[in-house]
Structures are given as structure tokens and as C-alpha cells.
């Protein structure tokens, strides 16, 4: 059975274990320089990088949507490394 989660992340967090998809992200920060958020197809914040997003101060908050059928897919699990950002992740997984 698939589980949809909307998670507010400010520290390294494993959102899902097993297969699933990332539907959207909202990345927000108040830093004076660009910040990087990294998504891993892993149960830890290392290994296979699923995607990485750099958000400048002028672009914050940044809303990123992966419309069907272009959802960002993961197989091992979804771990988010937010850097100095607050990240709202909407995803579905097992």
C-alpha cells in the first residue's frame, strides 16, 4: 500500500524506506548565499544522489513540482539533506 507524506525537514531525514516518488518540494531559507538541498535514493544522507537543488536567496522560497508521469522516483528509500534550508517534501512510497 502506498503512503503519501508531506514532511517539513530541517535536518537530515529519511522520509521513506523502499520504492516511491517525490511529487513536489518547497525549499526556503534566509541565508545570504545560495544553499543546496540534496535528495538521496538511500536510507542515509550518502550514496546514490537522486537530485540536488541550489537555491539562491532571491529565489527563496522555491517551489519545484514533478508532474505525473515525471515524478522523481527512488527505489531504496528517500533521504533529504536540507543544508541550511527548510524543505517541505510531498512524496508517496511504501
PDB file of N, CA and C in Angstrom:
ATOM      1  N   UNK A   1       0.838  -1.180   0.000  1.00  0.00           N
ATOM      2  CA  UNK A   1       0.000   0.000   0.000  1.00  0.00           C
ATOM      3  C   UNK A   1       0.881   1.241   0.000  1.00  0.00           C
ATOM      4  N   UNK A   2       0.537   2.211  -0.800  1.00  0.00           N
ATOM      5  CA  UNK A   2       1.305   3.440  -0.915  1.00  0.00           C
ATOM      6  C   UNK A   2       0.933   4.421   0.191  1.00  0.00           C
ATOM      7  N   UNK A   3       1.931   5.119   0.691  1.00  0.00           N
ATOM      8  CA  UNK A   3       1.737   6.101   1.748  1.00  0.00           C
ATOM      9  C   UNK A   3       2.222   7.449   1.239  1.00  0.00           C
ATOM     10  N   UNK A   4       1.365   8.460   1.332  1.00  0.00           N
ATOM     11  CA  UNK A   4       1.744   9.811   0.942  1.00  0.00           C
ATOM     12  C   UNK A   4       2.153  10.565   2.194  1.00  0.00           C
ATOM     13  N   UNK A   5       3.270  11.271   2.092  1.00  0.00           N
ATOM     14  CA  UNK A   5       3.770  12.027   3.230  1.00  0.00           C
ATOM     15  C   UNK A   5       4.092  13.444   2.802  1.00  0.00           C
ATOM     16  N   UNK A   6       3.748  14.396   3.651  1.00  0.00           N
ATOM     17  CA  UNK A   6       4.218  15.759   3.488  1.00  0.00           C
ATOM     18  C   UNK A   6       5.046  16.033   4.729  1.00  0.00           C
ATOM     19  N   UNK A   7       6.333  16.242   4.525  1.00  0.00           N
ATOM     20  CA  UNK A   7       7.263  16.352   5.636  1.00  0.00           C
ATOM     21  C   UNK A   7       7.966  17.695   5.629  1.00  0.00           C
ATOM     22  N   UNK A   8       8.027  18.348   6.792  1.00  0.00           N
ATOM     23  CA  UNK A   8       8.776  19.583   6.957  1.00  0.00           C
ATOM     24  C   UNK A   8      10.138  19.180   7.516  1.00  0.00           C
ATOM     25  N   UNK A   9      11.197  19.412   6.749  1.00  0.00           N
ATOM     26  CA  UNK A   9      12.513  18.882   7.083  1.00  0.00           C
ATOM     27  C   UNK A   9      13.504  20.021   7.297  1.00  0.00           C
ATOM     28  N   UNK A  10      14.226  19.975   8.416  1.00  0.00           N
ATOM     29  CA  UNK A  10      15.279  20.954   8.699  1.00  0.00           C
ATOM     30  C   UNK A  10      16.604  20.280   9.059  1.00  0.00           C
ATOM     31  N   UNK A  11      16.595  18.958   9.217  1.00  0.00           N
ATOM     32  CA  UNK A  11      17.813  18.178   9.454  1.00  0.00           C
ATOM     33  C   UNK A  11      17.752  16.942   8.560  1.00  0.00           C
ATOM     34  N   UNK A  12      18.888  16.263   8.386  1.00  0.00           N
ATOM     35  CA  UNK A  12      18.893  15.051   7.561  1.00  0.00           C
ATOM     36  C   UNK A  12      17.798  14.104   8.027  1.00  0.00           C
ATOM     37  N   UNK A  13      16.924  13.724   7.081  1.00  0.00           N
ATOM     38  CA  UNK A  13      15.751  12.926   7.432  1.00  0.00           C
ATOM     39  C   UNK A  13      15.476  11.873   6.366  1.00  0.00           C
ATOM     40  N   UNK A  14      15.223  10.630   6.806  1.00  0.00           N
ATOM     41  CA  UNK A  14      14.740   9.594   5.904  1.00  0.00           C
ATOM     42  C   UNK A  14      13.221   9.659   5.929  1.00  0.00           C
ATOM     43  N   UNK A  15      12.636   9.965   4.772  1.00  0.00           N
ATOM     44  CA  UNK A  15      11.186  10.148   4.653  1.00  0.00           C
ATOM     45  C   UNK A  15      10.494   8.826   4.349  1.00  0.00           C
ATOM     46  N   UNK A  16      11.100   8.008   3.505  1.00  0.00           N
ATOM     47  CA  UNK A  16      10.515   6.722   3.100  1.00  0.00           C
ATOM     48  C   UNK A  16      11.590   5.647   3.067  1.00  0.00           C
ATOM     49  N   UNK A  17      11.185   4.414   3.290  1.00  0.00           N
ATOM     50  CA  UNK A  17      12.021   3.255   3.003  1.00  0.00           C
ATOM     51  C   UNK A  17      11.342   2.504   1.868  1.00  0.00           C
ATOM     52  N   UNK A  18      12.125   1.947   0.978  1.00  0.00           N
ATOM     53  CA  UNK A  18      11.571   1.248  -0.176  1.00  0.00           C
ATOM     54  C   UNK A  18      11.276   2.193  -1.323  1.00  0.00           C
ATOM     55  N   UNK A  19      10.502   1.685  -2.297  1.00  0.00           N
ATOM     56  CA  UNK A  19      10.215   2.423  -3.529  1.00  0.00           C
ATOM     57  C   UNK A  19       9.203   3.537  -3.310  1.00  0.00           C
ATOM     58  N   UNK A  20       9.311   4.564  -4.188  1.00  0.00           N
ATOM     59  CA  UNK A  20       8.338   5.639  -4.143  1.00  0.00           C
ATOM     60  C   UNK A  20       8.674   6.760  -5.108  1.00  0.00           C
ATOM     61  N   UNK A  21       7.976   7.863  -4.944  1.00  0.00           N
ATOM     62  CA  UNK A  21       8.156   9.019  -5.832  1.00  0.00           C
ATOM     63  C   UNK A  21       8.109  10.318  -5.034  1.00  0.00           C
ATOM     64  N   UNK A  22       8.870  11.295  -5.529  1.00  0.00           N
ATOM     65  CA  UNK A  22       8.800  12.652  -4.992  1.00  0.00           C
ATOM     66  C   UNK A  22       7.849  13.418  -5.899  1.00  0.00           C
ATOM     67  N   UNK A  23       6.861  14.065  -5.313  1.00  0.00           N
ATOM     68  CA  UNK A  23       5.850  14.797  -6.069  1.00  0.00           C
ATOM     69  C   UNK A  23       6.201  16.278  -6.162  1.00  0.00           C
ATOM     70  N   UNK A  24       6.628  16.866  -5.033  1.00  0.00           N
ATOM     71  CA  UNK A  24       6.999  18.284  -5.051  1.00  0.00           C
ATOM     72  C   UNK A  24       7.877  18.636  -3.859  1.00  0.00           C
ATOM     73  N   UNK A  25       8.547  19.779  -3.981  1.00  0.00           N
ATOM     74  CA  UNK A  25       9.392  20.328  -2.926  1.00  0.00           C
ATOM     75  C   UNK A  25       9.119  21.824  -2.815  1.00  0.00           C
ATOM     76  N   UNK A  26       9.172  22.333  -1.612  1.00  0.00           N
ATOM     77  CA  UNK A  26       9.246  23.777  -1.399  1.00  0.00           C
ATOM     78  C   UNK A  26      10.485  23.976  -0.536  1.00  0.00           C
ATOM     79  N   UNK A  27      11.425  24.749  -1.056  1.00  0.00           N
ATOM     80  CA  UNK A  27      12.695  24.989  -0.369  1.00  0.00           C
ATOM     81  C   UNK A  27      12.730  26.450   0.046  1.00  0.00           C
ATOM     82  N   UNK A  28      13.016  26.682   1.336  1.00  0.00           N
ATOM     83  CA  UNK A  28      13.022  28.035   1.870  1.00  0.00           C
ATOM     84  C   UNK A  28      14.258  28.237   2.748  1.00  0.00           C
ATOM     85  N   UNK A  29      14.878  29.400   2.622  1.00  0.00           N
ATOM     86  CA  UNK A  29      15.982  29.740   3.525  1.00  0.00           C
ATOM     87  C   UNK A  29      16.130  31.254   3.594  1.00  0.00           C
ATOM     88  N   UNK A  30      16.813  31.703   4.641  1.00  0.00           N
ATOM     89  CA  UNK A  30      17.049  33.137   4.817  1.00  0.00           C
ATOM     90  C   UNK A  30      18.540  33.460   4.838  1.00  0.00           C
ATOM     91  N   UNK A  31      19.340  32.571   4.277  1.00  0.00           N
ATOM     92  CA  UNK A  31      20.783  32.781   4.202  1.00  0.00           C
ATOM     93  C   UNK A  31      21.113  33.829   3.136  1.00  0.00           C
ATOM     94  N   UNK A  32      22.291  34.418   3.225  1.00  0.00           N
ATOM     95  CA  UNK A  32      22.692  35.448   2.254  1.00  0.00           C
ATOM     96  C   UNK A  32      23.363  34.860   1.012  1.00  0.00           C
ATOM     97  N   UNK A  33      23.638  33.562   1.030  1.00  0.00           N
ATOM     98  CA  UNK A  33      24.238  32.889  -0.129  1.00  0.00           C
ATOM     99  C   UNK A  33      23.358  31.715  -0.557  1.00  0.00           C
ATOM    100  N   UNK A  34      23.616  31.217  -1.750  1.00  0.00           N
ATOM    101  CA  UNK A  34      22.858  30.075  -2.265  1.00  0.00           C
ATOM    102  C   UNK A  34      23.051  28.863  -1.357  1.00  0.00           C
ATOM    103  N   UNK A  35      21.992  28.088  -1.190  1.00  0.00           N
ATOM    104  CA  UNK A  35      22.013  26.895  -0.350  1.00  0.00           C
ATOM    105  C   UNK A  35      21.636  25.680  -1.189  1.00  0.00           C
ATOM    106  N   UNK A  36      22.154  24.518  -0.803  1.00  0.00           N
ATOM    107  CA  UNK A  36      21.930  23.298  -1.564  1.00  0.00           C
ATOM    108  C   UNK A  36      21.143  22.278  -0.742  1.00  0.00           C
ATOM    109  N   UNK A  37      20.145  21.692  -1.403  1.00  0.00           N
ATOM    110  CA  UNK A  37      19.360  20.594  -0.842  1.00  0.00           C
ATOM    111  C   UNK A  37      19.646  19.370  -1.701  1.00  0.00           C
ATOM    112  N   UNK A  38      19.940  18.242  -1.052  1.00  0.00           N
ATOM    113  CA  UNK A  38      20.243  17.016  -1.787  1.00  0.00           C
ATOM    114  C   UNK A  38      19.271  15.916  -1.375  1.00  0.00           C
ATOM    115  N   UNK A  39      18.737  15.226  -2.374  1.00  0.00           N
ATOM    116  CA  UNK A  39      17.858  14.072  -2.153  1.00  0.00           C
ATOM    117  C   UNK A  39      18.633  12.813  -2.525  1.00  0.00           C
ATOM    118  N   UNK A  40      18.556  11.809  -1.671  1.00  0.00           N
ATOM    119  CA  UNK A  40      19.267  10.555  -1.899  1.00  0.00           C
ATOM    120  C   UNK A  40      18.293   9.406  -2.073  1.00  0.00           C
ATOM    121  N   UNK A  41      18.626   8.509  -2.994  1.00  0.00           N
ATOM    122  CA  UNK A  41      17.920   7.237  -3.133  1.00  0.00           C
ATOM    123  C   UNK A  41      18.640   6.272  -2.202  1.00  0.00           C
ATOM    124  N   UNK A  42      18.404   6.471  -0.912  1.00  0.00           N
ATOM    125  CA  UNK A  42      19.161   5.775   0.117  1.00  0.00           C
ATOM    126  C   UNK A  42      18.444   5.932   1.460  1.00  0.00           C
ATOM    127  N   UNK A  43      18.861   5.159   2.439  1.00  0.00           N
ATOM    128  CA  UNK A  43      18.313   5.284   3.785  1.00  0.00           C
ATOM    129  C   UNK A  43      19.182   6.171   4.666  1.00  0.00           C
ATOM    130  N   UNK A  44      20.256   6.702   4.087  1.00  0.00           N
ATOM    131  CA  UNK A  44      21.153   7.632   4.779  1.00  0.00           C
ATOM    132  C   UNK A  44      21.509   8.768   3.821  1.00  0.00           C
ATOM    133  N   UNK A  45      22.056   9.837   4.365  1.00  0.00           N
ATOM    134  CA  UNK A  45      22.413  11.004   3.540  1.00  0.00           C
ATOM    135  C   UNK A  45      23.778  10.818   2.898  1.00  0.00           C
ATOM    136  N   UNK A  46      23.888   9.757   2.114  1.00  0.00           N
ATOM    137  CA  UNK A  46      25.083   9.490   1.313  1.00  0.00           C
ATOM    138  C   UNK A  46      24.711   8.428   0.294  1.00  0.00           C
ATOM    139  N   UNK A  47      25.602   8.194  -0.650  1.00  0.00           N
ATOM    140  CA  UNK A  47      25.328   7.172  -1.656  1.00  0.00           C
ATOM    141  C   UNK A  47      24.742   7.758  -2.918  1.00  0.00           C
ATOM    142  N   UNK A  48      23.709   7.113  -3.432  1.00  0.00           N
ATOM    143  CA  UNK A  48      23.122   7.478  -4.726  1.00  0.00           C
ATOM    144  C   UNK A  48      22.336   8.785  -4.620  1.00  0.00           C
ATOM    145  N   UNK A  49      22.850   9.831  -5.287  1.00  0.00           N
ATOM    146  CA  UNK A  49      22.160  11.123  -5.304  1.00  0.00           C
ATOM    147  C   UNK A  49      21.020  11.056  -6.303  1.00  0.00           C
ATOM    148  N   UNK A  50      19.832  11.318  -5.824  1.00  0.00           N
ATOM    149  CA  UNK A  50      18.641  11.341  -6.666  1.00  0.00           C
ATOM    150  C   UNK A  50      18.543  12.684  -7.384  1.00  0.00           C
ATOM    151  N   UNK A  51      18.764  13.765  -6.641  1.00  0.00           N
ATOM    152  CA  UNK A  51      18.726  15.112  -7.209  1.00  0.00           C
ATOM    153  C   UNK A  51      19.350  16.076  -6.215  1.00  0.00           C
ATOM    154  N   UNK A  52      19.829  17.195  -6.748  1.00  0.00           N
ATOM    155  CA  UNK A  52      20.399  18.244  -5.919  1.00  0.00           C
ATOM    156  C   UNK A  52      19.902  19.579  -6.458  1.00  0.00           C
ATOM    157  N   UNK A  53      19.487  20.459  -5.553  1.00  0.00           N
ATOM    158  CA  UNK A  53      18.939  21.752  -5.957  1.00  0.00           C
ATOM    159  C   UNK A  53      19.657  22.858  -5.199  1.00  0.00           C
ATOM    160  N   UNK A  54      20.134  23.851  -5.930  1.00  0.00           N
ATOM    161  CA  UNK A  54      20.756  25.009  -5.311  1.00  0.00           C
ATOM    162  C   UNK A  54      19.783  26.175  -5.430  1.00  0.00           C
ATOM    163  N   UNK A  55      19.493  26.811  -4.303  1.00  0.00           N
ATOM    164  CA  UNK A  55      18.505  27.888  -4.276  1.00  0.00           C
ATOM    165  C   UNK A  55      19.178  29.164  -3.789  1.00  0.00           C
ATOM    166  N   UNK A  56      19.163  30.189  -4.631  1.00  0.00           N
ATOM    167  CA  UNK A  56      19.739  31.477  -4.264  1.00  0.00           C
ATOM    168  C   UNK A  56      18.799  32.214  -3.324  1.00  0.00           C
ATOM    169  N   UNK A  57      19.308  33.208  -2.589  1.00  0.00           N
ATOM    170  CA  UNK A  57      18.438  33.971  -1.691  1.00  0.00           C
ATOM    171  C   UNK A  57      17.269  34.627  -2.429  1.00  0.00           C
ATOM    172  N   UNK A  58      17.519  35.103  -3.654  1.00  0.00           N
ATOM    173  CA  UNK A  58      16.475  35.771  -4.429  1.00  0.00           C
ATOM    174  C   UNK A  58      15.367  34.818  -4.864  1.00  0.00           C
ATOM    175  N   UNK A  59      15.683  33.525  -4.966  1.00  0.00           N
ATOM    176  CA  UNK A  59      14.711  32.535  -5.440  1.00  0.00           C
ATOM    177  C   UNK A  59      13.977  31.834  -4.300  1.00  0.00           C
ATOM    178  N   UNK A  60      14.312  32.177  -3.069  1.00  0.00           N
ATOM    179  CA  UNK A  60      13.687  31.518  -1.920  1.00  0.00           C
ATOM    180  C   UNK A  60      12.414  32.247  -1.511  1.00  0.00           C
ATOM    181  N   UNK A  61      11.308  31.537  -1.324  1.00  0.00           N
ATOM    182  CA  UNK A  61      11.132  30.090  -1.411  1.00  0.00           C
ATOM    183  C   UNK A  61      10.997  29.630  -2.865  1.00  0.00           C
ATOM    184  N   UNK A  62      11.501  28.434  -3.113  1.00  0.00           N
ATOM    185  CA  UNK A  62      11.483  27.820  -4.444  1.00  0.00           C
ATOM    186  C   UNK A  62      10.528  26.635  -4.418  1.00  0.00           C
ATOM    187  N   UNK A  63       9.559  26.628  -5.336  1.00  0.00           N
ATOM    188  CA  UNK A  63       8.592  25.532  -5.441  1.00  0.00           C
ATOM    189  C   UNK A  63       8.948  24.707  -6.673  1.00  0.00           C
ATOM    190  N   UNK A  64       9.185  23.431  -6.475  1.00  0.00           N
ATOM    191  CA  UNK A  64       9.557  22.523  -7.554  1.00  0.00           C
ATOM    192  C   UNK A  64       8.508  21.416  -7.608  1.00  0.00           C
ATOM    193  N   UNK A  65       7.906  21.227  -8.774  1.00  0.00           N
ATOM    194  CA  UNK A  65       6.863  20.211  -8.946  1.00  0.00           C
ATOM    195  C   UNK A  65       7.311  19.217 -10.011  1.00  0.00           C
ATOM    196  N   UNK A  66       7.109  17.948  -9.730  1.00  0.00           N
ATOM    197  CA  UNK A  66       7.385  16.870 -10.681  1.00  0.00           C
ATOM    198  C   UNK A  66       6.039  16.293 -11.105  1.00  0.00           C
ATOM    199  N   UNK A  67       5.449  16.778 -12.199  1.00  0.00           N
ATOM    200  CA  UNK A  67       4.114  16.315 -12.591  1.00  0.00           C
ATOM    201  C   UNK A  67       4.159  14.873 -13.118  1.00  0.00           C
ATOM    202  N   UNK A  68       3.053  14.157 -12.917  1.00  0.00           N
ATOM    203  CA  UNK A  68       2.939  12.801 -13.469  1.00  0.00           C
ATOM    204  C   UNK A  68       3.047  12.901 -14.985  1.00  0.00           C
ATOM    205  N   UNK A  69       3.712  12.053 -15.653  1.00  0.00           N
ATOM    206  CA  UNK A  69       4.415  10.854 -15.206  1.00  0.00           C
ATOM    207  C   UNK A  69       5.891  11.107 -14.907  1.00  0.00           C
ATOM    208  N   UNK A  70       6.279  12.340 -14.600  1.00  0.00           N
ATOM    209  CA  UNK A  70       7.684  12.694 -14.409  1.00  0.00           C
ATOM    210  C   UNK A  70       8.081  12.797 -12.940  1.00  0.00           C
ATOM    211  N   UNK A  71       7.346  12.135 -12.053  1.00  0.00           N
ATOM    212  CA  UNK A  71       7.720  12.118 -10.648  1.00  0.00           C
ATOM    213  C   UNK A  71       9.175  11.679 -10.515  1.00  0.00           C
ATOM    214  N   UNK A  72       9.846  12.174  -9.523  1.00  0.00           N
ATOM    215  CA  UNK A  72      11.211  11.772  -9.224  1.00  0.00           C
ATOM    216  C   UNK A  72      11.133  10.457  -8.446  1.00  0.00           C
ATOM    217  N   UNK A  73      11.640   9.376  -9.022  1.00  0.00           N
ATOM    218  CA  UNK A  73      11.458   8.036  -8.447  1.00  0.00           C
ATOM    219  C   UNK A  73      12.691   7.576  -7.660  1.00  0.00           C
ATOM    220  N   UNK A  74      12.435   6.906  -6.538  1.00  0.00           N
ATOM    221  CA  UNK A  74      13.504   6.312  -5.736  1.00  0.00           C
ATOM    222  C   UNK A  74      13.169   4.842  -5.495  1.00  0.00           C
ATOM    223  N   UNK A  75      14.195   4.019  -5.232  1.00  0.00           N
ATOM    224  CA  UNK A  75      13.974   2.580  -5.048  1.00  0.00           C
ATOM    225  C   UNK A  75      14.372   2.090  -3.647  1.00  0.00           C
ATOM    226  N   UNK A  76      15.478   2.567  -3.112  1.00  0.00           N
ATOM    227  CA  UNK A  76      15.936   2.110  -1.795  1.00  0.00           C
ATOM    228  C   UNK A  76      15.225   2.840  -0.664  1.00  0.00           C
ATOM    229  N   UNK A  77      14.942   4.101  -0.889  1.00  0.00           N
ATOM    230  CA  UNK A  77      14.322   4.953   0.119  1.00  0.00           C
ATOM    231  C   UNK A  77      14.585   6.404  -0.243  1.00  0.00           C
ATOM    232  N   UNK A  78      14.016   7.314   0.509  1.00  0.00           N
ATOM    233  CA  UNK A  78      14.203   8.747   0.258  1.00  0.00           C
ATOM    234  C   UNK A  78      14.749   9.408   1.511  1.00  0.00           C
ATOM    235  N   UNK A  79      15.960   9.954   1.386  1.00  0.00           N
ATOM    236  CA  UNK A  79      16.574  10.721   2.461  1.00  0.00           C
ATOM    237  C   UNK A  79      16.859  12.119   1.940  1.00  0.00           C
ATOM    238  N   UNK A  80      16.533  13.125   2.756  1.00  0.00           N
ATOM    239  CA  UNK A  80      16.718  14.525   2.383  1.00  0.00           C
ATOM    240  C   UNK A  80      17.784  15.140   3.271  1.00  0.00           C
ATOM    241  N   UNK A  81      18.761  15.780   2.634  1.00  0.00           N
ATOM    242  CA  UNK A  81      19.791  16.548   3.327  1.00  0.00           C
ATOM    243  C   UNK A  81      19.500  18.024   3.019  1.00  0.00           C
ATOM    244  N   UNK A  82      18.914  18.774   3.969  1.00  0.00           N
ATOM    245  CA  UNK A  82      18.427  20.114   3.649  1.00  0.00           C
ATOM    246  C   UNK A  82      19.460  21.235   3.698  1.00  0.00           C
ATOM    247  N   UNK A  83      20.675  20.948   4.157  1.00  0.00           N
ATOM    248  CA  UNK A  83      21.630  22.038   4.298  1.00  0.00           C
ATOM    249  C   UNK A  83      21.103  23.051   5.303  1.00  0.00           C
ATOM    250  N   UNK A  84      21.167  24.332   4.976  1.00  0.00           N
ATOM    251  CA  UNK A  84      20.627  25.389   5.852  1.00  0.00           C
ATOM    252  C   UNK A  84      19.247  25.825   5.397  1.00  0.00           C
ATOM    253  N   UNK A  85      18.453  24.889   4.949  1.00  0.00           N
ATOM    254  CA  UNK A  85      17.127  25.191   4.406  1.00  0.00           C
ATOM    255  C   UNK A  85      16.051  24.467   5.211  1.00  0.00           C
ATOM    256  N   UNK A  86      14.843  24.958   5.053  1.00  0.00           N
ATOM    257  CA  UNK A  86      13.647  24.231   5.486  1.00  0.00           C
ATOM    258  C   UNK A  86      13.018  23.705   4.206  1.00  0.00           C
ATOM    259  N   UNK A  87      12.723  22.414   4.173  1.00  0.00           N
ATOM    260  CA  UNK A  87      12.221  21.781   2.965  1.00  0.00           C
ATOM    261  C   UNK A  87      10.894  21.101   3.265  1.00  0.00           C
ATOM    262  N   UNK A  88       9.894  21.413   2.473  1.00  0.00           N
ATOM    263  CA  UNK A  88       8.603  20.736   2.552  1.00  0.00           C
ATOM    264  C   UNK A  88       8.556  19.766   1.392  1.00  0.00           C
ATOM    265  N   UNK A  89       8.537  18.466   1.694  1.00  0.00           N
ATOM    266  CA  UNK A  89       8.560  17.413   0.688  1.00  0.00           C
ATOM    267  C   UNK A  89       7.205  16.723   0.658  1.00  0.00           C
ATOM    268  N   UNK A  90       6.626  16.610  -0.532  1.00  0.00           N
ATOM    269  CA  UNK A  90       5.437  15.774  -0.713  1.00  0.00           C
ATOM    270  C   UNK A  90       5.874  14.579  -1.542  1.00  0.00           C
ATOM    271  N   UNK A  91       5.659  13.383  -0.993  1.00  0.00           N
ATOM    272  CA  UNK A  91       6.125  12.164  -1.646  1.00  0.00           C
ATOM    273  C   UNK A  91       5.175  11.021  -1.345  1.00  0.00           C
ATOM    274  N   UNK A  92       5.305   9.972  -2.135  1.00  0.00           N
ATOM    275  CA  UNK A  92       4.500   8.765  -1.944  1.00  0.00           C
ATOM    276  C   UNK A  92       5.448   7.578  -1.970  1.00  0.00           C
ATOM    277  N   UNK A  93       5.224   6.645  -1.068  1.00  0.00           N
ATOM    278  CA  UNK A  93       6.087   5.461  -1.025  1.00  0.00           C
ATOM    279  C   UNK A  93       5.448   4.355  -0.239  1.00  0.00           C
ATOM    280  N   UNK A  94       6.179   3.259  -0.166  1.00  0.00           N
ATOM    281  CA  UNK A  94       5.646   2.083   0.528  1.00  0.00           C
ATOM    282  C   UNK A  94       5.957   2.147   2.006  1.00  0.00           C
TER     283      UNK A  94
END
